[in-house]
Amino acid sequence: MNFGLNDEQQEIKSTAKQFLESRFKPDVVRELAEEGRYDDALWQEICDLGWPGIA
């Protein structure tokens, strides 16, 4: 059985990594997590990309 990512999944992973790295630095992520909140604009971008429907 192959449990590795297929090409499409690998592309999604790479795109998500680049997307998030370009918008957040670790200190911002930490601050949002500690305060239990999220960035509304970022969430809208994620929804526009259709990522919530992937899971």
N, C-alpha and C. Protein backbone atom coordinates (compact mmCIF):
# COMPACT_ATOMS: atom_id res chain seq x y z
N MET A 1 0.83 -1.18 0.00
CA MET A 1 0.00 0.00 0.00
C MET A 1 0.88 1.25 0.00
N ASN A 2 0.50 2.22 -0.81
CA ASN A 2 1.26 3.47 -0.89
C ASN A 2 0.53 4.55 -0.09
N PHE A 3 1.17 5.00 0.97
CA PHE A 3 0.58 6.04 1.81
C PHE A 3 1.16 7.43 1.52
N GLY A 4 1.97 7.52 0.49
CA GLY A 4 2.55 8.81 0.11
C GLY A 4 1.52 9.67 -0.61
N LEU A 5 1.86 10.92 -0.78
CA LEU A 5 0.98 11.85 -1.47
C LEU A 5 1.10 11.67 -2.98
N ASN A 6 -0.04 11.74 -3.67
CA ASN A 6 0.02 11.69 -5.13
C ASN A 6 0.42 13.08 -5.64
N ASP A 7 0.56 13.22 -6.94
CA ASP A 7 1.02 14.49 -7.51
C ASP A 7 0.09 15.66 -7.17
N GLU A 8 -1.21 15.42 -7.25
CA GLU A 8 -2.18 16.49 -6.94
C GLU A 8 -2.10 16.90 -5.47
N GLN A 9 -2.00 15.93 -4.58
CA GLN A 9 -1.89 16.23 -3.16
C GLN A 9 -0.58 16.96 -2.85
N GLN A 10 0.49 16.56 -3.52
CA GLN A 10 1.78 17.21 -3.33
C GLN A 10 1.71 18.67 -3.77
N GLU A 11 1.00 18.94 -4.87
CA GLU A 11 0.84 20.30 -5.37
C GLU A 11 0.04 21.15 -4.38
N ILE A 12 -1.03 20.59 -3.82
CA ILE A 12 -1.82 21.30 -2.81
C ILE A 12 -0.96 21.63 -1.60
N LYS A 13 -0.19 20.66 -1.15
CA LYS A 13 0.70 20.87 0.00
C LYS A 13 1.69 21.99 -0.27
N SER A 14 2.31 21.96 -1.43
CA SER A 14 3.30 22.97 -1.79
C SER A 14 2.66 24.36 -1.90
N THR A 15 1.50 24.43 -2.53
CA THR A 15 0.80 25.70 -2.68
C THR A 15 0.40 26.27 -1.32
N ALA A 16 -0.12 25.42 -0.45
CA ALA A 16 -0.53 25.87 0.88
C ALA A 16 0.67 26.39 1.67
N LYS A 17 1.78 25.68 1.59
CA LYS A 17 2.99 26.09 2.31
C LYS A 17 3.46 27.47 1.82
N GLN A 18 3.53 27.65 0.52
CA GLN A 18 3.97 28.94 -0.03
C GLN A 18 2.99 30.05 0.33
N PHE A 19 1.71 29.76 0.23
CA PHE A 19 0.66 30.73 0.54
C PHE A 19 0.79 31.22 1.98
N LEU A 20 0.89 30.29 2.92
CA LEU A 20 0.94 30.66 4.33
C LEU A 20 2.27 31.32 4.71
N GLU A 21 3.37 30.82 4.17
CA GLU A 21 4.67 31.42 4.46
C GLU A 21 4.75 32.86 3.96
N SER A 22 4.07 33.15 2.87
CA SER A 22 4.14 34.50 2.31
C SER A 22 3.30 35.50 3.11
N ARG A 23 2.39 35.00 3.92
CA ARG A 23 1.49 35.89 4.65
C ARG A 23 1.75 35.97 6.14
N PHE A 24 2.40 34.97 6.70
CA PHE A 24 2.59 34.95 8.15
C PHE A 24 4.02 34.65 8.54
N LYS A 25 4.49 35.38 9.50
CA LYS A 25 5.75 35.08 10.15
C LYS A 25 5.41 34.33 11.44
N PRO A 26 6.34 33.54 11.97
CA PRO A 26 6.04 32.74 13.17
C PRO A 26 5.48 33.54 14.34
N ASP A 27 5.95 34.76 14.55
CA ASP A 27 5.44 35.54 15.69
C ASP A 27 3.97 35.91 15.52
N VAL A 28 3.53 36.13 14.29
CA VAL A 28 2.12 36.45 14.03
C VAL A 28 1.26 35.21 14.28
N VAL A 29 1.73 34.06 13.82
CA VAL A 29 1.00 32.81 14.04
C VAL A 29 0.87 32.54 15.53
N ARG A 30 1.95 32.72 16.26
CA ARG A 30 1.94 32.51 17.71
C ARG A 30 0.94 33.43 18.39
N GLU A 31 0.95 34.70 18.01
CA GLU A 31 0.03 35.68 18.60
C GLU A 31 -1.43 35.31 18.34
N LEU A 32 -1.75 34.95 17.11
CA LEU A 32 -3.11 34.55 16.78
C LEU A 32 -3.53 33.32 17.57
N ALA A 33 -2.63 32.34 17.67
CA ALA A 33 -2.95 31.11 18.40
C ALA A 33 -3.15 31.38 19.89
N GLU A 34 -2.30 32.19 20.47
CA GLU A 34 -2.41 32.49 21.90
C GLU A 34 -3.69 33.25 22.22
N GLU A 35 -4.14 34.08 21.28
CA GLU A 35 -5.34 34.87 21.50
C GLU A 35 -6.60 34.14 21.04
N GLY A 36 -6.44 32.97 20.45
CA GLY A 36 -7.58 32.18 20.01
C GLY A 36 -8.39 32.84 18.91
N ARG A 37 -7.71 33.54 18.02
CA ARG A 37 -8.41 34.21 16.94
C ARG A 37 -7.74 33.88 15.61
N TYR A 38 -8.35 34.38 14.54
CA TYR A 38 -7.80 34.15 13.21
C TYR A 38 -7.96 35.41 12.37
N ASP A 39 -7.31 35.42 11.24
CA ASP A 39 -7.32 36.56 10.33
C ASP A 39 -8.49 36.38 9.34
N ASP A 40 -9.49 37.25 9.43
CA ASP A 40 -10.68 37.14 8.56
C ASP A 40 -10.32 37.21 7.07
N ALA A 41 -9.42 38.10 6.71
CA ALA A 41 -9.03 38.26 5.30
C ALA A 41 -8.34 37.00 4.79
N LEU A 42 -7.48 36.42 5.62
CA LEU A 42 -6.80 35.19 5.22
C LEU A 42 -7.82 34.06 5.06
N TRP A 43 -8.76 33.96 5.98
CA TRP A 43 -9.77 32.91 5.88
C TRP A 43 -10.57 33.07 4.58
N GLN A 44 -10.88 34.28 4.20
CA GLN A 44 -11.61 34.52 2.96
C GLN A 44 -10.79 34.05 1.76
N GLU A 45 -9.50 34.34 1.77
CA GLU A 45 -8.63 33.88 0.68
C GLU A 45 -8.62 32.36 0.60
N ILE A 46 -8.54 31.71 1.77
CA ILE A 46 -8.53 30.25 1.82
C ILE A 46 -9.84 29.70 1.25
N CYS A 47 -10.95 30.32 1.61
CA CYS A 47 -12.25 29.90 1.08
C CYS A 47 -12.33 30.11 -0.42
N ASP A 48 -11.79 31.23 -0.89
CA ASP A 48 -11.78 31.51 -2.33
C ASP A 48 -10.99 30.45 -3.10
N LEU A 49 -9.97 29.89 -2.46
CA LEU A 49 -9.18 28.83 -3.09
C LEU A 49 -9.89 27.47 -3.04
N GLY A 50 -10.96 27.38 -2.24
CA GLY A 50 -11.72 26.14 -2.15
C GLY A 50 -11.15 25.12 -1.19
N TRP A 51 -10.19 25.52 -0.37
CA TRP A 51 -9.53 24.57 0.52
C TRP A 51 -10.45 23.95 1.57
N PRO A 52 -11.41 24.67 2.14
CA PRO A 52 -12.27 24.01 3.14
C PRO A 52 -13.04 22.81 2.56
N GLY A 53 -13.32 22.83 1.28
CA GLY A 53 -14.04 21.73 0.65
C GLY A 53 -13.19 20.52 0.32
N ILE A 54 -11.88 20.64 0.49
CA ILE A 54 -10.98 19.53 0.16
C ILE A 54 -11.09 18.40 1.17
N ALA A 55 -11.25 18.74 2.43
CA ALA A 55 -11.20 17.73 3.50
C ALA A 55 -12.32 16.74 3.43
